[in-house]
Amino acid sequence: MAYVVTATWTVQPGHEATVLDAIEKLIPLSRAEPGNRCYHPYRDPEVANRFHFFEIYDDEAAYLAHGSSDHFQQFGFGQAIPVLENRERAFYETID
């Protein structure tokens, strides 16, 4: 089984570029993490301040390592998350 995470970030109006910049920096670094199988952020074409993430990790430990990584601390917690209106996450396991 793999560990699946979906997330939605709703950004405070006027901060979309800040969050987009953080996400663009996170993409290559997150995809290179050990245990990361898939890291796909995408943007809602109907709602400019809403971003979604689809992520797959080998296991929950790999996901927790992602959240503790230097790059997520810097660009996620340090840059993007402070300007969010809302952050939602859901967790799943694949059926193999």
Protein backbone atom coordinates (compact mmCIF):
# COMPACT_ATOMS: atom_id res chain seq x y z
CA MET A 1 0.00 0.00 0.00
CA ALA A 2 1.03 3.58 -0.61
CA TYR A 3 0.09 6.67 1.38
CA VAL A 4 -1.98 9.23 -0.55
CA VAL A 5 -2.50 12.86 0.41
CA THR A 6 -4.82 15.37 -1.18
CA ALA A 7 -4.69 18.97 -0.08
CA THR A 8 -6.40 22.23 -0.93
CA TRP A 9 -4.88 25.60 -0.19
CA THR A 10 -7.15 28.64 -0.39
CA VAL A 11 -5.04 31.79 -0.53
CA GLN A 12 -5.85 35.17 0.97
CA PRO A 13 -6.72 37.58 -1.87
CA GLY A 14 -3.66 39.30 -3.28
CA HIS A 15 -1.20 36.61 -2.20
CA GLU A 16 -1.64 34.18 -5.10
CA ALA A 17 1.76 34.99 -6.64
CA THR A 18 3.52 34.37 -3.31
CA VAL A 19 1.95 30.93 -2.99
CA LEU A 20 2.51 30.05 -6.65
CA ASP A 21 6.20 30.95 -6.25
CA ALA A 22 6.48 28.70 -3.18
CA ILE A 23 4.76 25.81 -4.98
CA GLU A 24 7.02 26.15 -8.01
CA LYS A 25 10.05 25.93 -5.70
CA LEU A 26 8.61 22.93 -3.86
CA ILE A 27 7.88 20.84 -6.95
CA PRO A 28 11.38 19.61 -7.92
CA LEU A 29 12.57 19.32 -4.32
CA SER A 30 9.51 17.35 -3.20
CA ARG A 31 9.63 15.03 -6.21
CA ALA A 32 13.26 14.22 -5.38
CA GLU A 33 12.49 13.12 -1.81
CA PRO A 34 13.08 9.48 -0.93
CA GLY A 35 9.71 7.80 -0.62
CA ASN A 36 7.89 10.29 -2.85
CA ARG A 37 6.11 8.59 -5.75
CA CYS A 38 3.99 11.48 -6.99
CA TYR A 39 3.79 15.20 -6.25
CA HIS A 40 1.35 17.09 -8.46
CA PRO A 41 0.11 20.51 -7.47
CA TYR A 42 -2.50 22.09 -9.72
CA ARG A 43 -4.57 25.21 -9.81
CA ASP A 44 -8.32 25.59 -10.06
CA PRO A 45 -9.00 27.41 -13.37
CA GLU A 46 -12.29 28.70 -11.99
CA VAL A 47 -10.96 30.01 -8.67
CA ALA A 48 -7.64 31.85 -8.95
CA ASN A 49 -6.85 31.66 -5.25
CA ARG A 50 -7.31 27.88 -4.89
CA PHE A 51 -4.52 25.34 -5.32
CA HIS A 52 -4.76 21.57 -4.99
CA PHE A 53 -2.17 18.88 -4.39
CA PHE A 54 -2.17 15.18 -5.19
CA GLU A 55 0.69 13.34 -3.51
CA ILE A 56 1.68 9.69 -3.13
CA TYR A 57 4.34 8.43 -0.73
CA ASP A 58 5.71 4.99 0.04
CA ASP A 59 4.26 5.27 3.53
CA GLU A 60 3.17 7.73 6.19
CA ALA A 61 6.77 8.11 7.41
CA ALA A 62 7.81 9.41 3.97
CA TYR A 63 4.97 11.93 4.08
CA LEU A 64 5.97 13.09 7.55
CA ALA A 65 9.57 13.45 6.34
CA HIS A 66 8.26 15.67 3.52
CA GLY A 67 6.59 17.99 6.04
CA SER A 68 9.78 18.12 8.11
CA SER A 69 12.09 18.73 5.15
CA ASP A 70 14.10 21.93 4.98
CA HIS A 71 12.42 22.92 1.71
CA PHE A 72 8.88 22.45 3.04
CA GLN A 73 9.77 24.33 6.21
CA GLN A 74 11.10 27.21 4.10
CA PHE A 75 8.63 27.40 1.23
CA GLY A 76 5.56 25.73 2.72
CA PHE A 77 5.46 26.82 6.34
CA GLY A 78 7.66 29.88 5.84
CA GLN A 79 6.22 31.37 2.64
CA ALA A 80 2.89 29.91 1.56
CA ILE A 81 0.98 28.73 4.62
CA PRO A 82 1.12 32.09 6.46
CA VAL A 83 -0.93 33.70 3.66
CA LEU A 84 -3.59 30.99 3.37
CA GLU A 85 -7.23 31.50 4.29
CA ASN A 86 -7.72 27.77 4.61
CA ARG A 87 -5.71 24.55 4.38
CA GLU A 88 -7.46 21.21 4.02
CA ARG A 89 -5.84 17.79 3.87
CA ALA A 90 -7.16 14.26 3.48
CA PHE A 91 -5.23 11.01 3.83
CA TYR A 92 -5.76 7.67 2.11
CA GLU A 93 -4.11 4.33 1.42
CA THR A 94 -4.04 2.71 -1.99
CA ILE A 95 -5.71 -0.63 -2.58
CA ASP A 96 -3.06 -2.84 -4.10
